[in-house]
Amino acid sequence: ERPYPCGECGKSFRDSSALLTHQQIHSGERPYRCLECGKRFQTSLDLQLHEQAHTGERPFHCMDCGKSFNRNFHLIVHQRIHTGEKPYKCGECGKTFTQSSHLTSH
């Protein structure tokens, strides 16, 4: 159940705090500021992820080759090198891709 709808776009949320965070998209509010470079963010999580660029932190490690990443998503995409997984298929020619963006540009 998602009883908290956004009055601007209609998207609904499970709790009021998620709605408030979402509404910052429409207002342009970015209350979280990076002390290193001054860039501003809508959520504290976005700020934390950004700060990894300054610290060089790469907490996500590939168990196959040891390569590390700053985002779990990048690790997941990387692991497809080892598994051979290509989950995105062109409906016209049948060619498969490791990333949806590669299919889109194809």
Protein backbone atom coordinates (compact mmCIF):
# COMPACT_ATOMS: atom_id res chain seq x y z
CA GLU A 1 0.00 0.00 0.00
CA ARG A 2 1.24 3.49 -0.94
CA PRO A 3 -1.05 6.00 0.77
CA TYR A 4 1.13 9.11 0.22
CA PRO A 5 0.68 10.52 -3.31
CA CYS A 6 2.76 13.36 -4.74
CA GLY A 7 0.47 16.27 -5.61
CA GLU A 8 2.80 17.28 -8.44
CA CYS A 9 3.15 14.04 -10.44
CA GLY A 10 0.87 11.48 -8.74
CA LYS A 11 3.60 9.01 -7.76
CA SER A 12 2.73 7.32 -4.45
CA PHE A 13 4.91 6.35 -1.50
CA ARG A 14 4.73 4.04 1.52
CA ASP A 15 5.65 6.71 4.04
CA SER A 16 5.57 10.48 4.32
CA SER A 17 9.35 10.84 4.58
CA ALA A 18 9.81 9.16 1.19
CA LEU A 19 7.23 11.54 -0.27
CA LEU A 20 9.07 14.55 1.19
CA THR A 21 12.37 13.35 -0.28
CA HIS A 22 10.68 12.80 -3.65
CA GLN A 23 9.13 16.28 -3.65
CA GLN A 24 12.62 17.79 -3.65
CA ILE A 25 12.83 16.67 -7.29
CA HIS A 26 10.03 19.09 -8.14
CA SER A 27 11.22 21.93 -5.89
CA GLY A 28 14.87 21.62 -6.91
CA GLU A 29 15.88 21.64 -3.24
CA ARG A 30 19.33 20.16 -2.59
CA PRO A 31 20.03 20.51 1.14
CA TYR A 32 23.09 18.20 1.34
CA ARG A 33 26.42 19.80 0.37
CA CYS A 34 29.77 18.16 -0.25
CA LEU A 35 32.38 19.87 1.93
CA GLU A 36 35.12 18.90 -0.51
CA CYS A 37 33.78 20.44 -3.73
CA GLY A 38 30.54 22.22 -2.84
CA LYS A 39 28.27 20.12 -5.04
CA ARG A 40 24.75 19.78 -3.61
CA PHE A 41 22.44 16.74 -3.41
CA GLN A 42 18.80 15.95 -2.71
CA THR A 43 19.50 13.08 -0.29
CA SER A 44 22.19 12.20 2.22
CA LEU A 45 22.69 8.87 0.42
CA ASP A 46 23.44 10.67 -2.86
CA LEU A 47 25.97 12.80 -0.98
CA GLN A 48 27.60 9.71 0.57
CA LEU A 49 27.90 8.03 -2.82
CA HIS A 50 29.41 11.21 -4.28
CA GLU A 51 31.94 11.51 -1.45
CA GLN A 52 33.40 8.15 -2.48
CA ALA A 53 34.73 9.91 -5.58
CA HIS A 54 36.89 12.09 -3.34
CA THR A 55 38.03 9.34 -0.96
CA GLY A 56 38.62 6.69 -3.63
CA GLU A 57 36.55 4.24 -1.58
CA ARG A 58 35.57 1.12 -3.57
CA PRO A 59 33.67 -1.18 -1.22
CA PHE A 60 32.29 -3.61 -3.83
CA HIS A 61 34.75 -6.36 -4.80
CA CYS A 62 34.57 -8.97 -7.55
CA MET A 63 35.14 -12.41 -6.03
CA ASP A 64 36.42 -13.74 -9.38
CA CYS A 65 39.19 -11.26 -10.19
CA GLY A 66 39.44 -8.88 -7.22
CA LYS A 67 38.54 -5.73 -9.13
CA SER A 68 36.70 -3.21 -6.93
CA PHE A 69 33.96 -0.68 -7.60
CA ASN A 70 32.36 2.30 -5.91
CA ARG A 71 28.81 1.19 -6.87
CA ASN A 72 27.23 -2.24 -6.50
CA PHE A 73 25.56 -1.76 -9.89
CA HIS A 74 28.99 -1.46 -11.54
CA LEU A 75 30.07 -4.72 -9.88
CA ILE A 76 26.94 -6.49 -11.14
CA VAL A 77 27.58 -5.33 -14.71
CA HIS A 78 31.28 -6.28 -14.41
CA GLN A 79 30.46 -9.79 -13.22
CA ARG A 80 28.74 -10.45 -16.54
CA ILE A 81 32.25 -10.60 -18.04
CA HIS A 82 32.87 -13.71 -15.95
CA THR A 83 29.42 -15.29 -16.33
CA GLY A 84 28.88 -14.43 -19.98
CA GLU A 85 25.39 -13.20 -19.13
CA LYS A 86 23.85 -10.88 -21.73
CA PRO A 87 20.31 -10.22 -20.50
CA TYR A 88 19.32 -7.56 -23.05
CA LYS A 89 18.26 -8.84 -26.48
CA CYS A 90 17.44 -6.91 -29.64
CA GLY A 91 13.95 -7.82 -30.83
CA GLU A 92 14.90 -7.24 -34.47
CA CYS A 93 18.22 -9.02 -34.96
CA GLY A 94 18.59 -11.12 -31.80
CA LYS A 95 21.94 -9.65 -30.75
CA THR A 96 22.42 -9.67 -26.97
CA PHE A 97 24.07 -7.13 -24.67
CA THR A 98 25.39 -6.91 -21.12
CA GLN A 99 23.82 -3.49 -20.50
CA SER A 100 20.47 -1.99 -21.48
CA SER A 101 22.21 1.20 -22.65
CA HIS A 102 24.19 -0.83 -25.20
CA LEU A 103 20.95 -2.30 -26.55
CA THR A 104 19.40 1.18 -26.72
CA SER A 105 22.34 2.63 -28.68
CA HIS A 106 22.33 -0.44 -30.99
